[in-house]
């Protein structure tokens, strides 16, 4: 007869409901236990397809929505808030920059699952309005670089519009969401 031992801390945590425990964990069989979000690998740019999901404008801002789809064969996680950099055809990367930020919030994407990202920018004209042209030095944008985590190659997406090469305009990035902002 095989004797199965389970650490007392795991038994107490399961009994008190501090952590979610599957039947496999109660039985001592960990082969079928589902990994937690912390145990899954972070999603890599190569296993994600990114598509623009529309946008909205108002009060001098434009809000862009993007859908991230796991096209890989394994589940992965998107953690916190990605970094975003605006890209100009003539000037390369232009400020401001939002650095990726880890957070408590993470989303597990099984194959073919989706996550959503919302990015807010100043709604500008080619003359730099609503800013003074000399303060703004407007440039045409050709895209955005979205960085999932520090040290990971960014995912580049097309975006037509204008930005200030001096970085005085707005760039806001929301954490990844499991809810489609356009479905409300």
N, C-alpha and C. Protein backbone atom coordinates (compact mmCIF):
# COMPACT_ATOMS: atom_id res chain seq x y z
N UNK A 1 0.85 -1.17 0.00
CA UNK A 1 0.00 0.00 0.00
C UNK A 1 0.89 1.24 0.00
N UNK A 2 0.61 2.16 -0.90
CA UNK A 2 1.37 3.40 -0.96
C UNK A 2 0.77 4.41 0.00
N UNK A 3 1.63 5.02 0.76
CA UNK A 3 1.18 6.06 1.68
C UNK A 3 1.42 7.41 1.01
N UNK A 4 0.38 8.25 0.98
CA UNK A 4 0.48 9.58 0.37
C UNK A 4 0.55 10.59 1.50
N UNK A 5 1.55 11.44 1.43
CA UNK A 5 1.66 12.50 2.43
C UNK A 5 1.46 13.84 1.75
N UNK A 6 0.67 14.67 2.40
CA UNK A 6 0.41 16.02 1.91
C UNK A 6 0.86 16.96 3.00
N UNK A 7 1.67 17.97 2.67
CA UNK A 7 2.13 18.90 3.70
C UNK A 7 0.95 19.52 4.47
N UNK A 8 1.10 19.66 5.77
CA UNK A 8 0.06 20.19 6.64
C UNK A 8 -0.41 21.57 6.18
N UNK A 9 0.51 22.42 5.73
CA UNK A 9 0.14 23.76 5.27
C UNK A 9 -0.84 23.71 4.11
N UNK A 10 -0.67 22.76 3.17
CA UNK A 10 -1.56 22.64 2.02
C UNK A 10 -2.94 22.18 2.49
N UNK A 11 -2.96 21.21 3.42
CA UNK A 11 -4.24 20.71 3.93
C UNK A 11 -4.99 21.84 4.63
N UNK A 12 -4.30 22.61 5.48
CA UNK A 12 -4.95 23.70 6.19
C UNK A 12 -5.42 24.78 5.23
N UNK A 13 -4.60 25.14 4.26
CA UNK A 13 -4.98 26.18 3.30
C UNK A 13 -6.20 25.75 2.51
N UNK A 14 -6.26 24.48 2.09
CA UNK A 14 -7.43 23.98 1.35
C UNK A 14 -8.65 23.98 2.25
N UNK A 15 -8.50 23.51 3.48
CA UNK A 15 -9.62 23.42 4.40
C UNK A 15 -10.18 24.79 4.74
N UNK A 16 -9.33 25.77 4.88
CA UNK A 16 -9.77 27.12 5.23
C UNK A 16 -10.21 27.92 4.02
N UNK A 17 -10.01 27.37 2.83
CA UNK A 17 -10.41 28.08 1.62
C UNK A 17 -9.48 29.21 1.25
N UNK A 18 -8.25 29.21 1.79
CA UNK A 18 -7.29 30.27 1.49
C UNK A 18 -6.83 30.17 0.05
N UNK A 19 -6.68 28.94 -0.44
CA UNK A 19 -6.30 28.74 -1.83
C UNK A 19 -7.29 27.79 -2.46
N UNK A 20 -7.45 27.87 -3.77
CA UNK A 20 -8.31 26.94 -4.46
C UNK A 20 -7.59 25.62 -4.63
N UNK A 21 -8.22 24.53 -4.26
CA UNK A 21 -7.59 23.22 -4.36
C UNK A 21 -8.49 22.33 -5.20
N UNK A 22 -7.88 21.68 -6.17
CA UNK A 22 -8.64 20.78 -7.02
C UNK A 22 -8.72 19.41 -6.36
N UNK A 23 -9.58 18.54 -6.89
CA UNK A 23 -9.70 17.18 -6.39
C UNK A 23 -8.36 16.48 -6.47
N UNK A 24 -7.59 16.75 -7.54
CA UNK A 24 -6.28 16.13 -7.69
C UNK A 24 -5.36 16.51 -6.53
N UNK A 25 -5.45 17.76 -6.07
CA UNK A 25 -4.61 18.17 -4.94
C UNK A 25 -5.05 17.48 -3.66
N UNK A 26 -6.37 17.32 -3.47
CA UNK A 26 -6.87 16.63 -2.28
C UNK A 26 -6.46 15.16 -2.30
N UNK A 27 -6.47 14.54 -3.49
CA UNK A 27 -6.13 13.12 -3.61
C UNK A 27 -4.63 12.88 -3.60
N UNK A 28 -3.83 13.94 -3.68
CA UNK A 28 -2.39 13.76 -3.73
C UNK A 28 -1.89 13.48 -5.14
N UNK A 29 -2.76 13.50 -6.14
CA UNK A 29 -2.38 13.26 -7.52
C UNK A 29 -2.27 14.61 -8.21
N UNK A 30 -1.07 15.04 -8.52
CA UNK A 30 -0.86 16.38 -9.09
C UNK A 30 -0.76 16.35 -10.61
N UNK A 31 -0.90 15.19 -11.24
CA UNK A 31 -0.79 15.11 -12.69
C UNK A 31 -1.91 15.87 -13.39
N UNK A 32 -3.13 15.88 -12.82
CA UNK A 32 -4.27 16.53 -13.45
C UNK A 32 -4.59 17.89 -12.86
N UNK A 33 -3.79 18.37 -11.93
CA UNK A 33 -4.06 19.67 -11.31
C UNK A 33 -3.86 20.78 -12.34
N UNK A 34 -4.75 21.77 -12.34
CA UNK A 34 -4.63 22.91 -13.26
C UNK A 34 -3.59 23.88 -12.72
N UNK A 35 -2.67 24.35 -13.57
CA UNK A 35 -1.67 25.32 -13.09
C UNK A 35 -2.32 26.66 -12.81
N UNK A 36 -1.80 27.38 -11.83
CA UNK A 36 -2.29 28.73 -11.54
C UNK A 36 -1.69 29.68 -12.57
N UNK A 37 -2.20 30.91 -12.59
CA UNK A 37 -1.70 31.92 -13.53
C UNK A 37 -0.20 32.17 -13.32
N UNK A 38 0.26 32.08 -12.05
CA UNK A 38 1.67 32.31 -11.79
C UNK A 38 2.54 31.20 -12.35
N UNK A 39 1.99 29.98 -12.51
CA UNK A 39 2.77 28.85 -13.01
C UNK A 39 2.83 28.81 -14.53
N UNK A 40 1.90 29.46 -15.21
CA UNK A 40 1.89 29.47 -16.67
C UNK A 40 2.96 30.42 -17.19
N UNK A 41 3.42 30.15 -18.39
CA UNK A 41 4.38 31.04 -19.03
C UNK A 41 3.69 32.33 -19.46
N UNK A 42 4.46 33.39 -19.47
CA UNK A 42 3.95 34.66 -20.00
C UNK A 42 3.73 34.50 -21.49
N UNK A 43 2.70 35.15 -22.01
CA UNK A 43 2.46 35.12 -23.45
C UNK A 43 3.62 35.79 -24.17
N UNK A 44 4.03 35.20 -25.27
CA UNK A 44 5.10 35.79 -26.07
C UNK A 44 4.48 36.44 -27.30
N UNK A 45 5.15 37.43 -27.87
CA UNK A 45 4.60 38.06 -29.07
C UNK A 45 4.31 37.06 -30.18
N UNK A 46 5.11 35.99 -30.28
CA UNK A 46 4.92 35.01 -31.34
C UNK A 46 3.66 34.17 -31.21
N UNK A 47 3.06 34.11 -30.03
CA UNK A 47 1.84 33.31 -29.88
C UNK A 47 0.58 34.18 -29.80
N UNK A 48 0.73 35.47 -30.09
CA UNK A 48 -0.41 36.38 -30.03
C UNK A 48 -0.67 37.02 -31.39
N UNK A 49 -1.93 37.12 -31.73
CA UNK A 49 -2.35 37.90 -32.89
C UNK A 49 -3.04 39.14 -32.33
N UNK A 50 -2.67 40.30 -32.84
CA UNK A 50 -3.23 41.55 -32.34
C UNK A 50 -4.00 42.22 -33.47
N UNK A 51 -5.24 42.61 -33.16
CA UNK A 51 -6.08 43.28 -34.15
C UNK A 51 -6.72 44.50 -33.52
N UNK A 52 -6.81 45.58 -34.30
CA UNK A 52 -7.50 46.77 -33.81
C UNK A 52 -8.98 46.43 -33.69
N UNK A 53 -9.56 46.78 -32.56
CA UNK A 53 -10.96 46.44 -32.30
C UNK A 53 -11.85 47.67 -32.29
N UNK A 54 -11.38 48.74 -32.90
CA UNK A 54 -12.18 49.95 -32.95
C UNK A 54 -11.63 51.02 -32.03
N UNK A 55 -12.43 52.00 -31.81
CA UNK A 55 -12.01 53.11 -30.97
C UNK A 55 -13.17 54.04 -30.71
N UNK A 56 -12.86 55.07 -29.93
CA UNK A 56 -13.87 56.05 -29.56
C UNK A 56 -13.16 57.38 -29.35
N UNK A 57 -13.84 58.46 -29.56
CA UNK A 57 -13.23 59.78 -29.37
C UNK A 57 -14.15 60.64 -28.53
N UNK A 58 -13.55 61.57 -27.82
CA UNK A 58 -14.34 62.52 -27.04
C UNK A 58 -13.46 63.35 -26.14
N UNK A 59 -13.87 64.57 -25.86
CA UNK A 59 -13.18 65.48 -24.94
C UNK A 59 -11.70 65.62 -25.26
N UNK A 60 -11.37 65.71 -26.54
CA UNK A 60 -9.98 65.94 -26.95
C UNK A 60 -9.11 64.70 -26.93
N UNK A 61 -9.72 63.53 -26.78
CA UNK A 61 -8.95 62.29 -26.72
C UNK A 61 -9.51 61.28 -27.71
N UNK A 62 -8.67 60.33 -28.09
CA UNK A 62 -9.10 59.18 -28.88
C UNK A 62 -8.67 57.94 -28.10
N UNK A 63 -9.58 56.97 -28.03
CA UNK A 63 -9.31 55.73 -27.30
C UNK A 63 -9.31 54.58 -28.29
N UNK A 64 -8.21 53.89 -28.37
CA UNK A 64 -8.05 52.77 -29.29
C UNK A 64 -8.19 51.47 -28.51
N UNK A 65 -8.86 50.48 -29.12
CA UNK A 65 -9.01 49.17 -28.51
C UNK A 65 -8.34 48.13 -29.38
N UNK A 66 -7.64 47.20 -28.74
CA UNK A 66 -6.97 46.11 -29.44
C UNK A 66 -7.36 44.78 -28.82
N UNK A 67 -7.54 43.77 -29.68
CA UNK A 67 -7.84 42.42 -29.23
C UNK A 67 -6.58 41.57 -29.40
N UNK A 68 -6.19 40.89 -28.32
CA UNK A 68 -5.05 39.97 -28.33
C UNK A 68 -5.60 38.55 -28.29
N UNK A 69 -5.27 37.73 -29.29
CA UNK A 69 -5.75 36.36 -29.37
C UNK A 69 -4.58 35.40 -29.24
N UNK A 70 -4.71 34.41 -28.36
CA UNK A 70 -3.68 33.38 -28.20
C UNK A 70 -3.80 32.42 -29.37
N UNK A 71 -2.84 32.45 -30.29
CA UNK A 71 -2.82 31.56 -31.44
C UNK A 71 -1.91 30.37 -31.21
N UNK A 72 -1.34 30.27 -30.00
CA UNK A 72 -0.45 29.17 -29.68
C UNK A 72 -1.20 27.91 -29.28
N UNK A 73 -0.45 26.86 -28.95
CA UNK A 73 -1.03 25.58 -28.57
C UNK A 73 -1.17 25.42 -27.06
N UNK A 74 -0.64 26.37 -26.29
CA UNK A 74 -0.67 26.27 -24.83
C UNK A 74 -1.22 27.55 -24.23
N UNK A 75 -1.78 27.42 -23.03
CA UNK A 75 -2.27 28.58 -22.30
C UNK A 75 -1.07 29.44 -21.88
N UNK A 76 -1.30 30.73 -21.73
CA UNK A 76 -0.27 31.66 -21.28
C UNK A 76 -0.94 32.80 -20.53
N UNK A 77 -0.15 33.67 -19.92
CA UNK A 77 -0.73 34.78 -19.16
C UNK A 77 -0.25 36.13 -19.69
N UNK A 78 -1.13 37.11 -19.57
CA UNK A 78 -0.80 38.51 -19.80
C UNK A 78 -0.89 39.17 -18.43
N UNK A 79 0.19 39.82 -18.02
CA UNK A 79 0.26 40.39 -16.68
C UNK A 79 0.30 41.91 -16.71
N UNK A 80 -0.47 42.52 -15.83
CA UNK A 80 -0.39 43.96 -15.60
C UNK A 80 -0.73 44.80 -16.81
N UNK A 81 0.08 45.83 -17.01
CA UNK A 81 -0.13 46.81 -18.07
C UNK A 81 1.06 46.77 -19.03
N UNK A 82 0.82 46.63 -20.34
CA UNK A 82 1.94 46.62 -21.27
C UNK A 82 2.52 48.02 -21.46
N UNK A 83 3.72 48.07 -22.00
CA UNK A 83 4.32 49.33 -22.36
C UNK A 83 3.86 49.73 -23.75
N UNK A 84 3.82 51.04 -24.01
CA UNK A 84 3.43 51.52 -25.34
C UNK A 84 4.34 52.67 -25.72
N UNK A 85 4.80 52.65 -26.96
CA UNK A 85 5.63 53.70 -27.53
C UNK A 85 5.02 54.07 -28.87
N UNK A 86 4.90 55.36 -29.15
CA UNK A 86 4.40 55.81 -30.45
C UNK A 86 5.56 55.84 -31.44
N UNK A 87 5.25 55.55 -32.71
CA UNK A 87 6.29 55.49 -33.74
C UNK A 87 5.92 56.43 -34.88
N UNK A 88 6.88 57.24 -35.28
CA UNK A 88 6.73 58.17 -36.39
C UNK A 88 7.60 57.69 -37.54
N UNK A 89 7.13 57.87 -38.77
CA UNK A 89 7.91 57.45 -39.94
C UNK A 89 9.25 58.18 -40.01
N UNK A 90 9.24 59.47 -39.67
CA UNK A 90 10.45 60.28 -39.81
C UNK A 90 11.32 60.33 -38.56
N UNK A 91 10.71 60.18 -37.40
CA UNK A 91 11.43 60.39 -36.14
C UNK A 91 11.60 59.12 -35.29
N UNK A 92 11.14 57.97 -35.77
CA UNK A 92 11.24 56.75 -34.98
C UNK A 92 10.33 56.83 -33.76
N UNK A 93 10.83 56.37 -32.62
CA UNK A 93 10.04 56.41 -31.40
C UNK A 93 9.98 57.83 -30.86
N UNK A 94 8.78 58.27 -30.48
CA UNK A 94 8.63 59.61 -29.93
C UNK A 94 7.98 59.53 -28.55
N UNK A 95 8.32 60.48 -27.68
CA UNK A 95 7.73 60.47 -26.34
C UNK A 95 6.26 60.86 -26.40
N UNK A 96 5.51 60.64 -25.33
CA UNK A 96 5.89 59.99 -24.09
C UNK A 96 5.92 58.47 -24.26
N UNK A 97 6.55 57.80 -23.33
CA UNK A 97 6.63 56.35 -23.31
C UNK A 97 5.95 55.85 -22.04
N UNK A 98 5.17 54.80 -22.17
CA UNK A 98 4.62 54.11 -21.00
C UNK A 98 5.36 52.79 -20.89
N UNK A 99 6.05 52.58 -19.78
CA UNK A 99 6.81 51.35 -19.56
C UNK A 99 5.88 50.23 -19.10
N UNK A 100 6.21 48.97 -19.45
CA UNK A 100 5.37 47.87 -18.96
C UNK A 100 5.42 47.82 -17.44
N UNK A 101 4.29 47.53 -16.82
CA UNK A 101 4.22 47.46 -15.36
C UNK A 101 3.54 46.16 -14.95
N UNK A 102 4.28 45.37 -14.16
CA UNK A 102 3.68 44.16 -13.61
C UNK A 102 2.60 44.58 -12.64
N UNK A 103 1.62 43.74 -12.49
CA UNK A 103 0.54 44.04 -11.57
C UNK A 103 -0.05 42.78 -11.01
N UNK A 104 -0.88 42.94 -10.03
CA UNK A 104 -1.54 41.79 -9.44
C UNK A 104 -2.53 41.18 -10.42
N UNK A 105 -3.04 41.99 -11.32
CA UNK A 105 -4.04 41.55 -12.28
C UNK A 105 -3.37 40.79 -13.42
N UNK A 106 -3.76 39.54 -13.63
CA UNK A 106 -3.26 38.78 -14.78
C UNK A 106 -4.43 38.05 -15.43
N UNK A 107 -4.28 37.82 -16.72
CA UNK A 107 -5.32 37.14 -17.50
C UNK A 107 -4.72 35.90 -18.11
N UNK A 108 -5.36 34.77 -17.91
CA UNK A 108 -4.93 33.53 -18.52
C UNK A 108 -5.65 33.38 -19.84
N UNK A 109 -4.88 33.17 -20.90
CA UNK A 109 -5.45 32.97 -22.24
C UNK A 109 -5.20 31.53 -22.67
N UNK A 110 -6.26 30.75 -22.76
CA UNK A 110 -6.17 29.41 -23.34
C UNK A 110 -6.06 29.62 -24.85
N UNK A 111 -5.65 28.60 -25.60
CA UNK A 111 -5.60 28.77 -27.06
C UNK A 111 -6.95 29.29 -27.60
N UNK A 112 -6.89 30.28 -28.44
CA UNK A 112 -8.02 30.94 -29.10
C UNK A 112 -8.78 31.91 -28.19
N UNK A 113 -8.38 32.07 -26.93
CA UNK A 113 -9.00 33.04 -26.04
C UNK A 113 -8.51 34.45 -26.37
N UNK A 114 -9.26 35.46 -25.91
CA UNK A 114 -8.96 36.85 -26.20
C UNK A 114 -8.76 37.66 -24.92
N UNK A 115 -7.93 38.69 -25.03
CA UNK A 115 -7.80 39.73 -24.00
C UNK A 115 -7.86 41.05 -24.74
N UNK A 116 -8.14 42.12 -24.00
CA UNK A 116 -8.37 43.42 -24.63
C UNK A 116 -7.49 44.48 -23.99
N UNK A 117 -7.12 45.46 -24.80
CA UNK A 117 -6.27 46.55 -24.34
C UNK A 117 -6.84 47.87 -24.85
N UNK A 118 -6.88 48.88 -23.98
CA UNK A 118 -7.35 50.21 -24.35
C UNK A 118 -6.21 51.21 -24.17
N UNK A 119 -6.00 52.03 -25.19
CA UNK A 119 -4.94 53.05 -25.19
C UNK A 119 -5.58 54.40 -25.49
N UNK A 120 -5.28 55.40 -24.68
CA UNK A 120 -5.81 56.75 -24.88
C UNK A 120 -4.72 57.69 -25.37
N UNK A 121 -5.02 58.45 -26.41
CA UNK A 121 -4.10 59.44 -26.98
C UNK A 121 -4.81 60.77 -27.13
N UNK A 122 -4.05 61.86 -27.17
CA UNK A 122 -4.64 63.16 -27.49
C UNK A 122 -5.14 63.11 -28.93
N UNK A 123 -6.35 63.58 -29.16
CA UNK A 123 -6.92 63.65 -30.50
C UNK A 123 -6.41 64.93 -31.15
N UNK A 124 -5.39 64.79 -32.02
CA UNK A 124 -4.69 65.95 -32.57
C UNK A 124 -4.91 66.11 -34.06
N UNK A 125 -4.80 67.33 -34.49
CA UNK A 125 -4.78 67.64 -35.91
C UNK A 125 -3.34 67.68 -36.40
N UNK A 126 -3.17 67.74 -37.70
CA UNK A 126 -1.80 67.75 -38.26
C UNK A 126 -1.03 69.01 -37.89
N UNK A 127 -1.76 70.06 -37.44
CA UNK A 127 -1.09 71.30 -37.04
C UNK A 127 -0.69 71.28 -35.56
N UNK A 128 -0.94 70.15 -34.87
CA UNK A 128 -0.58 70.05 -33.46
C UNK A 128 -1.68 70.47 -32.52
N UNK A 129 -2.81 70.97 -33.06
CA UNK A 129 -3.88 71.39 -32.16
C UNK A 129 -4.35 70.19 -31.34
N UNK A 130 -4.60 70.37 -30.11
CA UNK A 130 -4.92 71.57 -29.35
C UNK A 130 -3.69 72.26 -28.73
N UNK A 131 -2.48 71.88 -29.11
CA UNK A 131 -1.27 72.45 -28.52
C UNK A 131 -0.69 73.53 -29.41
N UNK A 132 0.14 74.40 -28.84
CA UNK A 132 0.90 75.38 -29.59
C UNK A 132 1.89 74.62 -30.46
N UNK A 133 1.96 74.97 -31.74
CA UNK A 133 2.81 74.25 -32.70
C UNK A 133 4.27 74.23 -32.27
N UNK A 134 4.79 75.33 -31.74
CA UNK A 134 6.19 75.37 -31.32
C UNK A 134 6.45 74.46 -30.11
N UNK A 135 5.47 74.36 -29.20
CA UNK A 135 5.63 73.49 -28.04
C UNK A 135 5.47 72.02 -28.42
N UNK A 136 4.63 71.76 -29.40
CA UNK A 136 4.29 70.39 -29.78
C UNK A 136 5.24 69.79 -30.82
N UNK A 137 5.58 70.55 -31.83
CA UNK A 137 6.33 70.05 -32.98
C UNK A 137 5.67 68.76 -33.51
N UNK A 138 4.47 68.90 -34.12
CA UNK A 138 3.69 67.72 -34.53
C UNK A 138 4.37 66.88 -35.60
N UNK A 139 4.17 65.57 -35.47
CA UNK A 139 4.67 64.60 -36.45
C UNK A 139 3.56 63.59 -36.74
N UNK A 140 3.59 63.04 -37.96
CA UNK A 140 2.63 62.00 -38.33
C UNK A 140 3.08 60.67 -37.71
N UNK A 141 2.11 59.97 -37.15
CA UNK A 141 2.40 58.66 -36.57
C UNK A 141 2.12 57.58 -37.60
N UNK A 142 2.89 56.50 -37.51
CA UNK A 142 2.62 55.36 -38.38
C UNK A 142 2.25 54.12 -37.59
N UNK A 143 2.47 54.15 -36.28
CA UNK A 143 2.11 52.98 -35.49
C UNK A 143 2.43 53.11 -34.02
N UNK A 144 2.17 52.01 -33.32
CA UNK A 144 2.46 51.89 -31.90
C UNK A 144 3.28 50.62 -31.68
N UNK A 145 4.18 50.67 -30.72
CA UNK A 145 4.93 49.48 -30.31
C UNK A 145 4.42 49.10 -28.93
N UNK A 146 3.84 47.90 -28.80
CA UNK A 146 3.27 47.42 -27.55
C UNK A 146 4.21 46.37 -26.97
N UNK A 147 4.74 46.64 -25.78
CA UNK A 147 5.70 45.75 -25.14
C UNK A 147 5.03 45.02 -23.99
N UNK A 148 4.98 43.70 -24.05
CA UNK A 148 4.32 42.89 -23.02
C UNK A 148 5.06 42.90 -21.70
N UNK A 149 6.39 42.88 -21.77
CA UNK A 149 7.22 42.82 -20.56
C UNK A 149 8.59 43.38 -20.89
N UNK A 150 9.29 43.85 -19.87
CA UNK A 150 10.65 44.38 -20.07
C UNK A 150 11.53 43.31 -20.69
N UNK A 151 12.32 43.71 -21.67
CA UNK A 151 13.24 42.80 -22.32
C UNK A 151 12.62 41.95 -23.41
N UNK A 152 11.33 42.13 -23.70
CA UNK A 152 10.63 41.36 -24.73
C UNK A 152 10.42 42.27 -25.94
N UNK A 153 10.64 41.73 -27.13
CA UNK A 153 10.44 42.51 -28.36
C UNK A 153 9.01 43.02 -28.43
N UNK A 154 8.82 44.28 -28.83
CA UNK A 154 7.46 44.82 -28.92
C UNK A 154 6.69 44.25 -30.10
N UNK A 155 5.39 44.32 -29.98
CA UNK A 155 4.48 43.99 -31.07
C UNK A 155 4.13 45.33 -31.72
N UNK A 156 4.35 45.45 -33.02
CA UNK A 156 4.08 46.72 -33.70
C UNK A 156 2.74 46.63 -34.42
N UNK A 157 1.92 47.67 -34.19
CA UNK A 157 0.61 47.76 -34.83
C UNK A 157 0.51 49.11 -35.54
N UNK A 158 -0.22 49.13 -36.64
CA UNK A 158 -0.40 50.36 -37.41
C UNK A 158 -1.32 51.31 -36.65
N UNK A 159 -1.02 52.60 -36.73
CA UNK A 159 -1.89 53.64 -36.20
C UNK A 159 -1.59 54.94 -36.95
N UNK A 160 -2.60 55.46 -37.61
CA UNK A 160 -2.47 56.73 -38.33
C UNK A 160 -3.00 57.84 -37.44
N UNK A 161 -2.27 58.91 -37.33
CA UNK A 161 -2.68 60.05 -36.53
C UNK A 161 -1.49 60.98 -36.37
N UNK A 162 -1.57 61.85 -35.38
CA UNK A 162 -0.50 62.81 -35.14
C UNK A 162 -0.16 62.82 -33.66
N UNK A 163 1.09 63.16 -33.38
CA UNK A 163 1.55 63.28 -32.01
C UNK A 163 2.57 64.39 -31.91
N UNK A 164 2.83 64.83 -30.69
CA UNK A 164 3.84 65.85 -30.45
C UNK A 164 5.20 65.18 -30.30
N UNK A 165 6.17 65.61 -31.08
CA UNK A 165 7.51 65.04 -30.96
C UNK A 165 8.17 65.42 -29.64
N UNK A 166 7.62 66.44 -28.96
CA UNK A 166 8.16 66.88 -27.67
C UNK A 166 7.58 66.08 -26.50
N UNK A 167 6.54 65.29 -26.76
CA UNK A 167 5.97 64.44 -25.72
C UNK A 167 5.03 65.13 -24.75
N UNK A 168 4.49 66.31 -25.11
CA UNK A 168 3.60 67.00 -24.18
C UNK A 168 2.16 66.48 -24.26
N UNK A 169 1.87 65.65 -25.26
CA UNK A 169 0.50 65.15 -25.40
C UNK A 169 0.29 63.87 -24.58
N UNK A 170 -0.96 63.44 -24.52
CA UNK A 170 -1.37 62.34 -23.65
C UNK A 170 -1.13 60.97 -24.29
N UNK A 171 -0.68 60.02 -23.45
CA UNK A 171 -0.61 58.61 -23.80
C UNK A 171 -0.95 57.86 -22.52
N UNK A 172 -2.11 57.20 -22.51
CA UNK A 172 -2.57 56.43 -21.36
C UNK A 172 -2.79 54.99 -21.78
N UNK A 173 -2.38 54.06 -20.93
CA UNK A 173 -2.55 52.64 -21.22
C UNK A 173 -3.25 51.99 -20.04
N UNK A 174 -4.31 51.26 -20.32
CA UNK A 174 -5.04 50.54 -19.28
C UNK A 174 -4.47 49.12 -19.14
N UNK A 175 -4.65 48.48 -17.99
CA UNK A 175 -4.23 47.08 -17.86
C UNK A 175 -5.02 46.20 -18.82
N UNK A 176 -4.46 45.04 -19.15
CA UNK A 176 -5.20 44.08 -19.98
C UNK A 176 -6.53 43.75 -19.30
N UNK A 177 -7.55 43.48 -20.12
CA UNK A 177 -8.87 43.17 -19.61
C UNK A 177 -9.40 41.91 -20.29
N UNK A 178 -10.19 41.14 -19.56
CA UNK A 178 -10.84 39.96 -20.13
C UNK A 178 -12.16 40.35 -20.78
N UNK A 179 -12.58 41.60 -20.60
CA UNK A 179 -13.87 42.07 -21.11
C UNK A 179 -13.65 43.01 -22.30
N UNK A 180 -14.34 42.76 -23.38
CA UNK A 180 -14.27 43.58 -24.58
C UNK A 180 -14.91 44.93 -24.28
N UNK A 181 -14.11 46.05 -24.36
CA UNK A 181 -14.69 47.36 -24.07
C UNK A 181 -15.77 47.77 -25.05
N UNK A 182 -15.79 47.20 -26.24
CA UNK A 182 -16.80 47.55 -27.24
C UNK A 182 -18.08 46.73 -27.11
N UNK A 183 -18.11 45.79 -26.17
CA UNK A 183 -19.29 44.91 -26.03
C UNK A 183 -20.33 45.47 -25.08
N UNK A 184 -20.13 46.67 -24.55
CA UNK A 184 -21.09 47.19 -23.58
C UNK A 184 -22.30 47.79 -24.20
